[in-house]
C-alpha cells in the first residue's frame, strides 16, 4: 500500500454531500486514508459543562462515516470563539495528536472553531496543510453559506 498523501482535503457539507443533502448516497465522496481513518473531534463550547453535547454530535458524524476517534482525541474548549487558538489547551492537544500522527483529520462544527480571526485561520490552515490533515466541518450553516476555508471572515 502506498504511503498516505500529504495533500489535505478540505471538506464542508457542500463537498461531502455533493450539493444535495437529501439523497440516500450523497455523502459517499468523503476522503478515505486507509481502511478506517482516525480523526480528532474539536469544538469550542460557549459555556463550561456543555462540551459533551457538541462532542456527541461530532462523534456521531464521524461514526456515520466509519471514522475512528482515538482515545483522548475528542477535545473541547469552552469560551468565546474569538480566543486565539494558541491559547486554547484543547486545540493544543489536537495539534499534538496530529503531530504524533495519531489522526488523519479533524472534525469540527465549523471552521471558526479552529480559528475565528482570518490571520489565526491562515496560520492554523497552513499548519494543518503541512500535517497532511483533512478537516470536515459539520455545521449546516456552512452548507448555506458555502464557505471554503480560505473564505473565512473575521
Protein backbone atom coordinates (compact mmCIF):
# COMPACT_ATOMS: atom_id res chain seq x y z
CA UNK A 1 0.00 0.00 0.00
CA UNK A 2 1.41 3.46 -0.90
CA UNK A 3 2.17 5.91 1.93
CA UNK A 4 -0.61 8.37 2.83
CA UNK A 5 -0.72 11.52 0.75
CA UNK A 6 0.49 14.78 2.28
CA UNK A 7 -2.28 16.51 0.35
CA UNK A 8 -5.05 17.91 2.52
CA UNK A 9 -8.67 17.57 1.53
CA UNK A 10 -10.81 20.39 2.91
CA UNK A 11 -14.34 19.33 3.49
CA UNK A 12 -17.51 21.04 4.41
CA UNK A 13 -21.01 19.76 3.92
CA UNK A 14 -21.25 21.02 0.32
CA UNK A 15 -18.28 18.82 -0.62
CA UNK A 16 -19.28 15.83 1.45
CA UNK A 17 -22.79 15.73 0.16
CA UNK A 18 -22.27 16.61 -3.48
CA UNK A 19 -24.63 19.61 -3.44
CA UNK A 20 -27.88 17.95 -2.41
CA UNK A 21 -28.31 16.86 1.17
CA UNK A 22 -31.47 14.81 0.66
CA UNK A 23 -30.32 11.85 -1.44
CA UNK A 24 -29.53 8.49 0.19
CA UNK A 25 -25.98 8.19 -1.18
CA UNK A 26 -24.98 11.84 -1.31
CA UNK A 27 -22.07 11.77 1.14
CA UNK A 28 -20.00 9.00 -0.43
CA UNK A 29 -17.30 11.45 -1.57
CA UNK A 30 -15.61 11.74 1.85
CA UNK A 31 -11.87 11.11 1.67
CA UNK A 32 -10.53 7.86 2.97
CA UNK A 33 -6.97 7.47 4.15
CA UNK A 34 -6.56 3.76 4.61
CA UNK A 35 -9.42 1.48 5.54
CA UNK A 36 -10.61 3.44 8.61
CA UNK A 37 -9.21 6.95 9.11
CA UNK A 38 -8.65 8.21 12.60
CA UNK A 39 -9.94 11.71 13.34
CA UNK A 40 -9.80 14.15 16.20
CA UNK A 41 -13.00 15.87 17.25
CA UNK A 42 -12.69 19.51 18.26
CA UNK A 43 -15.15 22.19 19.28
CA UNK A 44 -15.38 25.33 21.34
CA UNK A 45 -18.45 25.38 23.59
CA UNK A 46 -19.77 28.73 24.78
CA UNK A 47 -20.16 27.52 28.39
CA UNK A 48 -18.38 25.06 30.64
CA UNK A 49 -20.27 21.83 31.23
CA UNK A 50 -21.89 21.57 27.79
CA UNK A 51 -18.82 20.50 25.82
CA UNK A 52 -20.05 16.89 25.72
CA UNK A 53 -23.18 17.92 23.80
CA UNK A 54 -21.15 19.25 20.89
CA UNK A 55 -18.69 16.36 21.01
CA UNK A 56 -21.55 13.83 20.97
CA UNK A 57 -22.78 15.31 17.67
CA UNK A 58 -19.28 15.27 16.19
CA UNK A 59 -18.78 11.69 17.36
CA UNK A 60 -21.99 10.59 15.65
CA UNK A 61 -20.89 12.34 12.45
CA UNK A 62 -17.53 10.55 12.49
CA UNK A 63 -19.14 7.22 13.36
CA UNK A 64 -21.58 7.54 10.43
CA UNK A 65 -18.58 7.76 8.10
CA UNK A 66 -16.70 4.85 9.64
CA UNK A 67 -14.01 7.09 11.12
CA UNK A 68 -12.50 6.23 14.48
CA UNK A 69 -11.66 8.64 17.26
CA UNK A 70 -8.55 7.56 19.19
CA UNK A 71 -8.55 7.84 22.98
CA UNK A 72 -8.21 11.43 24.19
CA UNK A 73 -8.83 12.83 20.69
CA UNK A 74 -12.34 14.15 21.39
CA UNK A 75 -11.49 17.57 22.74
CA UNK A 76 -13.46 20.70 23.57
CA UNK A 77 -12.53 24.08 24.90
CA UNK A 78 -15.02 26.48 26.43
CA UNK A 79 -15.28 30.20 25.94
CA UNK A 80 -15.59 32.61 23.03
CA UNK A 81 -14.65 31.58 19.51
CA UNK A 82 -12.50 34.66 19.03
CA UNK A 83 -9.88 33.47 21.53
CA UNK A 84 -6.53 32.76 19.88
CA UNK A 85 -6.07 29.06 19.02
CA UNK A 86 -2.62 29.22 20.63
CA UNK A 87 -4.31 29.99 23.96
CA UNK A 88 -6.70 27.02 23.85
CA UNK A 89 -5.47 23.94 25.71
CA UNK A 90 -7.83 21.64 23.79
CA UNK A 91 -6.65 22.80 20.38
CA UNK A 92 -3.06 22.25 21.50
CA UNK A 93 -4.00 18.64 22.36
CA UNK A 94 -5.42 18.19 18.84
CA UNK A 95 -2.22 19.62 17.38
CA UNK A 96 -0.17 17.18 19.49
CA UNK A 97 -2.26 14.24 18.23
CA UNK A 98 -1.74 15.37 14.65
CA UNK A 99 1.99 15.90 15.13
CA UNK A 100 2.23 12.41 16.61
CA UNK A 101 0.42 11.02 13.53
CA UNK A 102 -2.45 9.69 15.66
CA UNK A 103 -5.09 11.22 13.36
CA UNK A 104 -5.63 11.78 9.64
CA UNK A 105 -8.20 14.54 10.03
CA UNK A 106 -10.16 16.84 12.29
CA UNK A 107 -13.94 17.08 12.62
CA UNK A 108 -15.31 20.44 13.77
CA UNK A 109 -18.76 22.04 13.84
CA UNK A 110 -17.41 24.87 11.65
CA UNK A 111 -14.01 26.16 10.63
CA UNK A 112 -14.45 29.06 13.06
CA UNK A 113 -13.99 26.58 15.91
CA UNK A 114 -10.39 26.17 14.81
CA UNK A 115 -9.77 29.88 14.32
CA UNK A 116 -12.23 32.75 14.17
CA UNK A 117 -9.95 35.56 13.01
CA UNK A 118 -8.62 35.49 9.44
CA UNK A 119 -4.96 35.79 10.48
CA UNK A 120 -5.35 32.96 13.01
CA UNK A 121 -7.15 30.82 10.42
CA UNK A 122 -4.40 31.38 7.84
CA UNK A 123 -1.77 30.27 10.36
CA UNK A 124 -3.71 27.20 11.51
CA UNK A 125 -4.69 26.26 7.94
CA UNK A 126 -1.05 26.38 6.86
CA UNK A 127 -0.12 24.14 9.78
CA UNK A 128 -2.93 21.67 9.00
CA UNK A 129 -1.77 21.52 5.37
CA UNK A 130 1.79 20.82 6.50
CA UNK A 131 0.50 17.92 8.60
CA UNK A 132 -1.48 16.49 5.65
CA UNK A 133 -4.79 16.57 7.54
CA UNK A 134 -8.29 16.84 6.17
CA UNK A 135 -10.89 18.92 8.01
CA UNK A 136 -14.61 18.16 7.98
CA UNK A 137 -16.98 20.93 9.11
CA UNK A 138 -20.41 19.64 10.07
CA UNK A 139 -22.28 22.90 10.75
CA UNK A 140 -25.31 23.18 8.45
CA UNK A 141 -24.83 26.97 8.29
CA UNK A 142 -21.66 26.32 6.32
CA UNK A 143 -23.79 24.44 3.80
CA UNK A 144 -25.95 27.53 3.40
CA UNK A 145 -23.02 29.92 3.28
CA UNK A 146 -20.89 27.69 1.07
CA UNK A 147 -17.70 28.81 2.81
CA UNK A 148 -14.36 27.45 1.83
CA UNK A 149 -11.56 27.62 4.44
CA UNK A 150 -9.80 30.48 2.68
CA UNK A 151 -13.03 32.47 2.68
CA UNK A 152 -13.46 32.54 6.45
CA UNK A 153 -14.09 36.12 7.51
CA UNK A 154 -13.13 37.72 10.82
